[in-house]
Amino acid sequence: MKAKGDLKEYKVVGRRYPSKMVPSPPCFRMRIFAPDYVAAKSRFWYFMSKLKKLKKTNGEVVSCEEVPDARPTKVKNIGIWLRYDSRSGTHNMYREYRDLTVAGAVTQCYRDMGARHRARASSIQIMKVEVVPVDKCRRPHVKQFHNSKIRFPLPHRVLKSHFKSDFVAKRPNTFF
């Protein structure tokens, strides 16, 4: 899978084709993060072949629908459990991000893994994603934003005015 653009969350449901032996086979539901529904279905069959010995030739996708985020205006702490294949082996990992949506946090994760660990999108498997409460957060780069009195000072500001000349004899004052 190429993680191009922003990833979206899909709920993919599939099953084995009905047969005389099993007229109503069980359905399997998976939460997939992919750029589009074609890639989501492809990822679904990739995981089904690994987990249940079921290939695309022997099964069907019952539904593939995009899952909208419940509250896309609230900032959330999101924990992601994943495994990835590096040049030396397979590693499990837990990462935390702050984002407005779960899909946005997973997109951040794919970019971060590519930057820090040179992990390709095809070698990353997201195992679990959940919103983490403030008291359960572990990573300091996420915990630093939990301060209710947090401030973002603007130390060096240059005022632009249409009425002042660009060329004056005095240095501008940038501290207010």
N, C-alpha and C. Protein backbone atom coordinates (compact mmCIF):
# COMPACT_ATOMS: atom_id res chain seq x y z
N MET A 1 0.84 -1.18 0.00
CA MET A 1 0.00 0.00 0.00
C MET A 1 0.88 1.24 0.00
N LYS A 2 0.51 2.20 -0.80
CA LYS A 2 1.16 3.50 -0.76
C LYS A 2 0.34 4.41 0.14
N ALA A 3 0.98 5.05 1.09
CA ALA A 3 0.25 5.93 2.01
C ALA A 3 0.24 7.34 1.42
N LYS A 4 -0.39 7.49 0.26
CA LYS A 4 -0.39 8.79 -0.41
C LYS A 4 -1.56 9.64 0.10
N GLY A 5 -1.29 10.92 0.33
CA GLY A 5 -2.34 11.80 0.84
C GLY A 5 -2.72 11.45 2.27
N ASP A 6 -3.89 11.93 2.67
CA ASP A 6 -4.38 11.63 4.01
C ASP A 6 -5.10 10.29 4.00
N LEU A 7 -4.82 9.48 5.01
CA LEU A 7 -5.49 8.18 5.11
C LEU A 7 -6.88 8.35 5.69
N LYS A 8 -7.77 7.43 5.35
CA LYS A 8 -9.14 7.43 5.88
C LYS A 8 -9.37 6.10 6.57
N GLU A 9 -10.34 6.08 7.47
CA GLU A 9 -10.66 4.85 8.19
C GLU A 9 -11.83 4.17 7.49
N TYR A 10 -11.67 2.87 7.21
CA TYR A 10 -12.71 2.08 6.55
C TYR A 10 -13.10 0.90 7.42
N LYS A 11 -14.37 0.53 7.35
CA LYS A 11 -14.84 -0.69 7.98
C LYS A 11 -15.15 -1.66 6.84
N VAL A 12 -14.34 -2.71 6.73
CA VAL A 12 -14.48 -3.68 5.64
C VAL A 12 -15.01 -4.99 6.22
N VAL A 13 -16.09 -5.49 5.63
CA VAL A 13 -16.68 -6.76 6.05
C VAL A 13 -16.61 -7.72 4.87
N GLY A 14 -16.09 -8.90 5.12
CA GLY A 14 -15.97 -9.90 4.06
C GLY A 14 -16.20 -11.30 4.59
N ARG A 15 -16.34 -12.24 3.67
CA ARG A 15 -16.56 -13.64 4.06
C ARG A 15 -16.13 -14.56 2.94
N ARG A 16 -16.07 -15.84 3.26
CA ARG A 16 -15.80 -16.87 2.26
C ARG A 16 -17.07 -17.05 1.41
N TYR A 17 -16.92 -17.44 0.14
CA TYR A 17 -18.09 -17.70 -0.70
C TYR A 17 -18.93 -18.82 -0.09
N PRO A 18 -20.26 -18.72 -0.11
CA PRO A 18 -21.10 -19.81 0.40
C PRO A 18 -20.91 -21.08 -0.44
N SER A 19 -20.96 -22.24 0.21
CA SER A 19 -20.81 -23.51 -0.48
C SER A 19 -21.86 -24.49 0.06
N LYS A 20 -21.90 -25.68 -0.49
CA LYS A 20 -22.84 -26.70 0.00
C LYS A 20 -22.47 -27.14 1.41
N MET A 21 -21.17 -27.18 1.70
CA MET A 21 -20.70 -27.57 3.03
C MET A 21 -21.04 -26.50 4.07
N VAL A 22 -20.78 -25.23 3.71
CA VAL A 22 -21.04 -24.10 4.63
C VAL A 22 -21.94 -23.10 3.89
N PRO A 23 -23.27 -23.24 4.01
CA PRO A 23 -24.16 -22.34 3.25
C PRO A 23 -24.13 -20.89 3.73
N SER A 24 -23.87 -20.66 5.01
CA SER A 24 -23.75 -19.27 5.50
C SER A 24 -22.45 -19.12 6.28
N PRO A 25 -21.34 -18.80 5.58
CA PRO A 25 -20.03 -18.68 6.25
C PRO A 25 -20.00 -17.44 7.15
N PRO A 26 -19.15 -17.46 8.17
CA PRO A 26 -19.07 -16.30 9.08
C PRO A 26 -18.46 -15.09 8.38
N CYS A 27 -18.92 -13.89 8.79
CA CYS A 27 -18.38 -12.64 8.25
C CYS A 27 -17.24 -12.17 9.16
N PHE A 28 -16.27 -11.53 8.55
CA PHE A 28 -15.14 -10.97 9.28
C PHE A 28 -15.10 -9.47 9.03
N ARG A 29 -15.03 -8.71 10.13
CA ARG A 29 -14.99 -7.25 10.03
C ARG A 29 -13.60 -6.76 10.42
N MET A 30 -13.10 -5.79 9.68
CA MET A 30 -11.78 -5.25 9.96
C MET A 30 -11.79 -3.74 9.86
N ARG A 31 -11.00 -3.13 10.71
CA ARG A 31 -10.82 -1.67 10.68
C ARG A 31 -9.54 -1.40 9.91
N ILE A 32 -9.65 -0.76 8.75
CA ILE A 32 -8.51 -0.57 7.85
C ILE A 32 -8.29 0.93 7.63
N PHE A 33 -7.02 1.35 7.65
CA PHE A 33 -6.66 2.74 7.33
C PHE A 33 -5.98 2.73 5.96
N ALA A 34 -6.58 3.42 5.00
CA ALA A 34 -6.06 3.41 3.64
C ALA A 34 -6.43 4.72 2.95
N PRO A 35 -5.74 5.06 1.84
CA PRO A 35 -6.07 6.31 1.14
C PRO A 35 -7.40 6.28 0.40
N ASP A 36 -7.83 5.11 -0.07
CA ASP A 36 -9.11 4.99 -0.78
C ASP A 36 -9.69 3.59 -0.56
N TYR A 37 -10.92 3.38 -1.04
CA TYR A 37 -11.59 2.10 -0.74
C TYR A 37 -10.97 0.92 -1.49
N VAL A 38 -10.33 1.18 -2.62
CA VAL A 38 -9.66 0.10 -3.36
C VAL A 38 -8.48 -0.44 -2.54
N ALA A 39 -7.69 0.48 -2.01
CA ALA A 39 -6.55 0.08 -1.16
C ALA A 39 -7.04 -0.58 0.13
N ALA A 40 -8.19 -0.11 0.66
CA ALA A 40 -8.75 -0.70 1.89
C ALA A 40 -9.14 -2.15 1.66
N LYS A 41 -9.79 -2.43 0.53
CA LYS A 41 -10.17 -3.82 0.23
C LYS A 41 -8.94 -4.68 0.01
N SER A 42 -7.93 -4.12 -0.63
CA SER A 42 -6.69 -4.85 -0.86
C SER A 42 -6.00 -5.21 0.46
N ARG A 43 -5.97 -4.24 1.40
CA ARG A 43 -5.38 -4.49 2.71
C ARG A 43 -6.18 -5.55 3.48
N PHE A 44 -7.52 -5.50 3.32
CA PHE A 44 -8.38 -6.48 3.97
C PHE A 44 -8.00 -7.88 3.52
N TRP A 45 -7.83 -8.09 2.21
CA TRP A 45 -7.48 -9.43 1.73
C TRP A 45 -6.07 -9.83 2.14
N TYR A 46 -5.18 -8.86 2.26
CA TYR A 46 -3.82 -9.13 2.73
C TYR A 46 -3.87 -9.71 4.14
N PHE A 47 -4.63 -9.06 5.04
CA PHE A 47 -4.72 -9.54 6.42
C PHE A 47 -5.51 -10.84 6.53
N MET A 48 -6.55 -11.01 5.71
CA MET A 48 -7.33 -12.24 5.75
C MET A 48 -6.48 -13.44 5.33
N SER A 49 -5.63 -13.25 4.35
CA SER A 49 -4.76 -14.36 3.92
C SER A 49 -3.77 -14.73 5.02
N LYS A 50 -3.35 -13.73 5.83
CA LYS A 50 -2.43 -14.01 6.93
C LYS A 50 -3.14 -14.66 8.12
N LEU A 51 -4.36 -14.19 8.42
CA LEU A 51 -5.04 -14.61 9.65
C LEU A 51 -5.94 -15.83 9.49
N LYS A 52 -6.66 -15.93 8.38
CA LYS A 52 -7.70 -16.95 8.26
C LYS A 52 -7.56 -17.88 7.05
N LYS A 53 -6.43 -17.84 6.39
CA LYS A 53 -6.22 -18.68 5.19
C LYS A 53 -7.37 -18.50 4.19
N LEU A 54 -7.70 -17.27 3.92
CA LEU A 54 -8.78 -16.96 3.00
C LEU A 54 -8.27 -15.94 1.98
N LYS A 55 -8.29 -16.33 0.70
CA LYS A 55 -7.80 -15.45 -0.36
C LYS A 55 -8.97 -14.76 -1.05
N LYS A 56 -8.64 -13.75 -1.85
CA LYS A 56 -9.65 -12.99 -2.57
C LYS A 56 -10.41 -13.87 -3.57
N THR A 57 -9.75 -14.89 -4.11
CA THR A 57 -10.40 -15.77 -5.09
C THR A 57 -11.48 -16.64 -4.45
N ASN A 58 -11.37 -16.86 -3.13
CA ASN A 58 -12.33 -17.73 -2.44
C ASN A 58 -13.34 -16.95 -1.59
N GLY A 59 -13.32 -15.61 -1.68
CA GLY A 59 -14.20 -14.84 -0.81
C GLY A 59 -14.76 -13.60 -1.48
N GLU A 60 -15.59 -12.89 -0.73
CA GLU A 60 -16.23 -11.67 -1.24
C GLU A 60 -16.24 -10.61 -0.15
N VAL A 61 -16.19 -9.36 -0.60
CA VAL A 61 -16.33 -8.23 0.31
C VAL A 61 -17.81 -7.90 0.38
N VAL A 62 -18.38 -8.00 1.58
CA VAL A 62 -19.80 -7.73 1.77
C VAL A 62 -20.05 -6.23 1.81
N SER A 63 -19.22 -5.49 2.55
CA SER A 63 -19.34 -4.03 2.57
C SER A 63 -18.00 -3.39 2.85
N CYS A 64 -17.82 -2.19 2.33
CA CYS A 64 -16.62 -1.40 2.56
C CYS A 64 -17.07 0.04 2.67
N GLU A 65 -17.13 0.55 3.89
CA GLU A 65 -17.62 1.91 4.07
C GLU A 65 -16.66 2.74 4.90
N GLU A 66 -16.60 4.02 4.57
CA GLU A 66 -15.73 4.94 5.29
C GLU A 66 -16.37 5.29 6.62
N VAL A 67 -15.55 5.31 7.68
CA VAL A 67 -16.05 5.61 9.02
C VAL A 67 -15.73 7.08 9.32
N PRO A 68 -16.77 7.91 9.50
CA PRO A 68 -16.49 9.32 9.86
C PRO A 68 -16.10 9.42 11.33
N ASP A 69 -15.27 10.41 11.65
CA ASP A 69 -14.87 10.61 13.05
C ASP A 69 -16.04 11.20 13.82
N ALA A 70 -16.24 10.74 15.05
CA ALA A 70 -17.39 11.18 15.85
C ALA A 70 -17.31 12.67 16.19
N ARG A 71 -16.13 13.13 16.63
CA ARG A 71 -15.97 14.54 16.99
C ARG A 71 -14.70 15.09 16.35
N PRO A 72 -14.78 15.56 15.10
CA PRO A 72 -13.57 16.04 14.41
C PRO A 72 -13.12 17.43 14.83
N THR A 73 -13.78 18.05 15.82
CA THR A 73 -13.37 19.37 16.28
C THR A 73 -12.67 19.32 17.63
N LYS A 74 -12.59 18.14 18.24
CA LYS A 74 -11.96 17.99 19.57
C LYS A 74 -10.58 17.35 19.42
N VAL A 75 -9.59 17.94 20.07
CA VAL A 75 -8.23 17.37 20.02
C VAL A 75 -8.19 16.16 20.94
N LYS A 76 -7.62 15.06 20.42
CA LYS A 76 -7.58 13.81 21.17
C LYS A 76 -6.13 13.30 21.26
N ASN A 77 -5.86 12.55 22.31
CA ASN A 77 -4.59 11.82 22.42
C ASN A 77 -4.86 10.42 21.90
N ILE A 78 -4.09 9.99 20.92
CA ILE A 78 -4.37 8.72 20.26
C ILE A 78 -3.16 7.80 20.38
N GLY A 79 -3.40 6.60 20.89
CA GLY A 79 -2.35 5.59 21.02
C GLY A 79 -2.46 4.60 19.87
N ILE A 80 -1.33 4.26 19.27
CA ILE A 80 -1.30 3.34 18.13
C ILE A 80 -0.32 2.21 18.44
N TRP A 81 -0.82 0.98 18.40
CA TRP A 81 0.01 -0.21 18.53
C TRP A 81 0.25 -0.72 17.12
N LEU A 82 1.51 -0.96 16.76
CA LEU A 82 1.82 -1.40 15.40
C LEU A 82 2.98 -2.37 15.41
N ARG A 83 3.15 -3.03 14.29
CA ARG A 83 4.36 -3.82 14.05
C ARG A 83 4.87 -3.47 12.67
N TYR A 84 6.17 -3.51 12.53
CA TYR A 84 6.75 -3.18 11.22
C TYR A 84 7.98 -4.02 10.97
N ASP A 85 8.26 -4.21 9.72
CA ASP A 85 9.45 -4.96 9.30
C ASP A 85 10.56 -3.97 8.99
N SER A 86 11.68 -4.09 9.71
CA SER A 86 12.85 -3.27 9.42
C SER A 86 13.84 -4.11 8.63
N ARG A 87 15.01 -3.55 8.43
CA ARG A 87 16.03 -4.31 7.70
C ARG A 87 16.57 -5.46 8.54
N SER A 88 16.41 -5.36 9.87
CA SER A 88 16.99 -6.40 10.74
C SER A 88 15.97 -7.38 11.29
N GLY A 89 14.67 -7.06 11.22
CA GLY A 89 13.67 -7.97 11.76
C GLY A 89 12.31 -7.30 11.91
N THR A 90 11.42 -7.96 12.63
CA THR A 90 10.08 -7.43 12.88
C THR A 90 10.01 -6.88 14.29
N HIS A 91 9.43 -5.70 14.44
CA HIS A 91 9.38 -5.03 15.73
C HIS A 91 7.96 -4.61 16.07
N ASN A 92 7.59 -4.74 17.35
CA ASN A 92 6.33 -4.19 17.85
C ASN A 92 6.61 -2.82 18.43
N MET A 93 5.60 -1.94 18.39
CA MET A 93 5.82 -0.58 18.82
C MET A 93 4.51 0.05 19.30
N TYR A 94 4.64 0.96 20.26
CA TYR A 94 3.49 1.77 20.70
C TYR A 94 3.86 3.23 20.51
N ARG A 95 2.98 3.99 19.88
CA ARG A 95 3.25 5.40 19.62
C ARG A 95 2.03 6.22 20.02
N GLU A 96 2.28 7.49 20.39
CA GLU A 96 1.19 8.40 20.76
C GLU A 96 1.26 9.65 19.91
N TYR A 97 0.08 10.13 19.54
CA TYR A 97 -0.04 11.35 18.75
C TYR A 97 -1.22 12.16 19.26
N ARG A 98 -1.19 13.46 18.98
CA ARG A 98 -2.34 14.34 19.24
C ARG A 98 -2.87 14.80 17.90
N ASP A 99 -4.17 14.60 17.70
CA ASP A 99 -4.77 15.01 16.44
C ASP A 99 -6.27 15.20 16.64
N LEU A 100 -6.91 15.78 15.63
CA LEU A 100 -8.36 15.97 15.67
C LEU A 100 -9.10 14.69 15.33
N THR A 101 -8.52 13.88 14.44
CA THR A 101 -9.18 12.64 14.03
C THR A 101 -8.23 11.46 14.21
N VAL A 102 -8.80 10.28 14.33
CA VAL A 102 -8.01 9.05 14.45
C VAL A 102 -7.24 8.81 13.14
N ALA A 103 -7.92 9.05 12.01
CA ALA A 103 -7.26 8.85 10.71
C ALA A 103 -6.08 9.81 10.54
N GLY A 104 -6.22 11.03 11.06
CA GLY A 104 -5.12 11.99 11.00
C GLY A 104 -3.92 11.53 11.82
N ALA A 105 -4.18 10.93 12.97
CA ALA A 105 -3.09 10.41 13.81
C ALA A 105 -2.40 9.24 13.14
N VAL A 106 -3.16 8.37 12.47
CA VAL A 106 -2.55 7.23 11.76
C VAL A 106 -1.72 7.74 10.58
N THR A 107 -2.19 8.78 9.90
CA THR A 107 -1.41 9.39 8.82
C THR A 107 -0.10 9.94 9.37
N GLN A 108 -0.17 10.63 10.51
CA GLN A 108 1.05 11.13 11.18
C GLN A 108 2.00 9.98 11.49
N CYS A 109 1.44 8.86 11.94
CA CYS A 109 2.24 7.70 12.31
C CYS A 109 3.00 7.14 11.11
N TYR A 110 2.31 7.01 9.97
CA TYR A 110 2.96 6.51 8.76
C TYR A 110 4.10 7.44 8.33
N ARG A 111 3.86 8.76 8.39
CA ARG A 111 4.91 9.73 8.02
C ARG A 111 6.09 9.65 8.99
N ASP A 112 5.77 9.53 10.28
CA ASP A 112 6.79 9.48 11.32
C ASP A 112 7.64 8.22 11.20
N MET A 113 6.99 7.09 10.94
CA MET A 113 7.72 5.82 10.80
C MET A 113 8.63 5.85 9.57
N GLY A 114 8.15 6.49 8.51
CA GLY A 114 9.00 6.63 7.32
C GLY A 114 10.20 7.52 7.59
N ALA A 115 10.00 8.58 8.36
CA ALA A 115 11.08 9.53 8.64
C ALA A 115 12.08 8.98 9.65
N ARG A 116 11.59 8.43 10.77
CA ARG A 116 12.50 8.01 11.83
C ARG A 116 13.09 6.62 11.63
N HIS A 117 12.33 5.71 11.03
CA HIS A 117 12.78 4.31 10.93
C HIS A 117 12.92 3.82 9.50
N ARG A 118 12.69 4.69 8.53
CA ARG A 118 12.76 4.32 7.10
C ARG A 118 11.83 3.15 6.77
N ALA A 119 10.70 3.09 7.49
CA ALA A 119 9.75 1.99 7.28
C ALA A 119 8.81 2.36 6.14
N ARG A 120 8.68 1.48 5.16
CA ARG A 120 7.75 1.71 4.06
C ARG A 120 6.33 1.43 4.54
N ALA A 121 5.36 2.04 3.89
CA ALA A 121 3.96 1.87 4.29
C ALA A 121 3.52 0.42 4.17
N SER A 122 4.07 -0.30 3.19
CA SER A 122 3.68 -1.70 3.00
C SER A 122 4.19 -2.60 4.11
N SER A 123 5.23 -2.17 4.83
CA SER A 123 5.79 -3.01 5.89
C SER A 123 5.23 -2.68 7.27
N ILE A 124 4.29 -1.70 7.35
CA ILE A 124 3.70 -1.31 8.63
C ILE A 124 2.33 -1.95 8.76
N GLN A 125 2.06 -2.59 9.90
CA GLN A 125 0.74 -3.17 10.18
C GLN A 125 0.20 -2.53 11.45
N ILE A 126 -0.91 -1.82 11.33
CA ILE A 126 -1.56 -1.20 12.48
C ILE A 126 -2.37 -2.28 13.18
N MET A 127 -2.07 -2.54 14.44
CA MET A 127 -2.78 -3.59 15.18
C MET A 127 -3.96 -3.03 15.96
N LYS A 128 -3.76 -1.89 16.61
CA LYS A 128 -4.83 -1.32 17.45
C LYS A 128 -4.66 0.18 17.52
N VAL A 129 -5.78 0.90 17.48
CA VAL A 129 -5.78 2.36 17.60
C VAL A 129 -6.88 2.72 18.58
N GLU A 130 -6.55 3.52 19.59
CA GLU A 130 -7.60 3.96 20.51
C GLU A 130 -7.27 5.33 21.08
N VAL A 131 -8.32 6.05 21.47
CA VAL A 131 -8.17 7.35 22.11
C VAL A 131 -7.74 7.09 23.56
N VAL A 132 -6.65 7.74 23.98
CA VAL A 132 -6.06 7.52 25.30
C VAL A 132 -6.43 8.69 26.21
N PRO A 133 -6.97 8.41 27.43
CA PRO A 133 -7.25 9.51 28.35
C PRO A 133 -5.97 10.19 28.81
N VAL A 134 -6.11 11.42 29.30
CA VAL A 134 -4.95 12.24 29.69
C VAL A 134 -4.07 11.55 30.72
N ASP A 135 -4.66 10.91 31.73
CA ASP A 135 -3.86 10.30 32.79
C ASP A 135 -3.15 9.02 32.35
N LYS A 136 -3.51 8.46 31.22
CA LYS A 136 -2.87 7.23 30.73
C LYS A 136 -1.81 7.49 29.66
N CYS A 137 -1.61 8.76 29.28
CA CYS A 137 -0.60 9.08 28.26
C CYS A 137 0.80 8.83 28.81
N ARG A 138 1.68 8.31 27.95
CA ARG A 138 3.04 7.95 28.38
C ARG A 138 4.11 8.87 27.80
N ARG A 139 3.93 9.35 26.60
CA ARG A 139 5.00 10.04 25.89
C ARG A 139 5.07 11.53 26.26
N PRO A 140 6.29 12.02 26.56
CA PRO A 140 6.42 13.42 26.99
C PRO A 140 6.03 14.44 25.93
N HIS A 141 6.22 14.12 24.64
CA HIS A 141 5.86 15.09 23.60
C HIS A 141 4.35 15.25 23.47
N VAL A 142 3.57 14.33 24.03
CA VAL A 142 2.12 14.46 24.07
C VAL A 142 1.70 15.09 25.41
N LYS A 143 2.36 14.69 26.50
CA LYS A 143 2.00 15.17 27.84
C LYS A 143 2.28 16.67 28.01
N GLN A 144 3.21 17.21 27.24
CA GLN A 144 3.56 18.63 27.42
C GLN A 144 2.40 19.56 27.06
N PHE A 145 1.42 19.07 26.29
CA PHE A 145 0.28 19.90 25.91
C PHE A 145 -0.90 19.76 26.87
N HIS A 146 -0.75 18.99 27.95
CA HIS A 146 -1.84 18.79 28.89
C HIS A 146 -1.92 19.89 29.96
N ASN A 147 -1.03 20.85 29.90
CA ASN A 147 -1.01 21.96 30.84
C ASN A 147 -2.16 22.92 30.49
N SER A 148 -3.01 23.24 31.47
CA SER A 148 -4.15 24.13 31.19
C SER A 148 -3.72 25.58 31.02
N LYS A 149 -2.53 25.94 31.54
CA LYS A 149 -2.05 27.31 31.44
C LYS A 149 -0.97 27.45 30.35
N ILE A 150 -1.02 26.61 29.35
CA ILE A 150 0.00 26.63 28.30
C ILE A 150 -0.09 27.94 27.51
N ARG A 151 1.08 28.49 27.19
CA ARG A 151 1.15 29.75 26.44
C ARG A 151 2.09 29.58 25.27
N PHE A 152 1.83 30.30 24.20
CA PHE A 152 2.69 30.29 23.03
C PHE A 152 3.13 31.73 22.75
N PRO A 153 4.22 32.16 23.37
CA PRO A 153 4.65 33.55 23.19
C PRO A 153 5.16 33.81 21.77
N LEU A 154 5.01 35.06 21.34
CA LEU A 154 5.50 35.48 20.03
C LEU A 154 6.67 36.44 20.28
N PRO A 155 7.91 35.95 20.36
CA PRO A 155 9.01 36.78 20.81
C PRO A 155 9.53 37.79 19.78
N HIS A 156 9.41 37.53 18.51
CA HIS A 156 10.03 38.40 17.51
C HIS A 156 8.99 38.76 16.46
N ARG A 157 8.34 39.89 16.64
CA ARG A 157 7.29 40.31 15.72
C ARG A 157 7.73 41.57 14.98
N VAL A 158 7.51 41.58 13.69
CA VAL A 158 7.83 42.74 12.87
C VAL A 158 6.51 43.30 12.35
N LEU A 159 6.22 44.56 12.72
CA LEU A 159 4.98 45.19 12.27
C LEU A 159 5.16 45.72 10.86
N LYS A 160 4.20 45.41 10.01
CA LYS A 160 4.21 45.91 8.65
C LYS A 160 3.14 46.98 8.53
N SER A 161 3.49 48.12 8.05
CA SER A 161 2.52 49.19 7.87
C SER A 161 2.63 49.72 6.46
N HIS A 162 1.49 50.03 5.87
CA HIS A 162 1.49 50.59 4.50
C HIS A 162 1.88 52.06 4.51
N PHE A 163 1.80 52.68 5.70
CA PHE A 163 2.02 54.13 5.77
C PHE A 163 3.45 54.48 6.12
N LYS A 164 4.22 53.52 6.66
CA LYS A 164 5.61 53.79 7.02
C LYS A 164 6.51 53.49 5.83
N SER A 165 7.63 54.14 5.82
CA SER A 165 8.62 53.91 4.77
C SER A 165 9.40 52.64 5.06
N ASP A 166 9.84 51.95 4.01
CA ASP A 166 10.65 50.75 4.18
C ASP A 166 12.09 51.11 4.60
N PHE A 167 12.51 52.29 4.25
CA PHE A 167 13.89 52.69 4.51
C PHE A 167 13.89 53.84 5.51
N VAL A 168 14.26 53.54 6.77
CA VAL A 168 14.32 54.57 7.81
C VAL A 168 15.66 54.46 8.52
N ALA A 169 16.02 55.51 9.28
CA ALA A 169 17.32 55.58 9.92
C ALA A 169 17.37 54.80 11.23
N LYS A 170 16.23 54.35 11.73
CA LYS A 170 16.17 53.70 13.06
C LYS A 170 15.78 52.22 12.88
N ARG A 171 16.37 51.34 13.69
CA ARG A 171 16.03 49.92 13.66
C ARG A 171 14.58 49.72 14.14
N PRO A 172 13.90 48.71 13.62
CA PRO A 172 12.53 48.48 14.12
C PRO A 172 12.54 47.86 15.51
N ASN A 173 11.52 48.15 16.29
CA ASN A 173 11.36 47.55 17.62
C ASN A 173 10.53 46.27 17.45
N THR A 174 11.10 45.12 17.80
CA THR A 174 10.38 43.84 17.61
C THR A 174 9.93 43.24 18.92
N PHE A 175 10.17 43.91 20.03
CA PHE A 175 9.78 43.37 21.33
C PHE A 175 8.62 44.20 21.88
N PHE A 176 7.46 43.58 22.11
CA PHE A 176 6.29 44.30 22.61
C PHE A 176 5.87 43.74 23.94
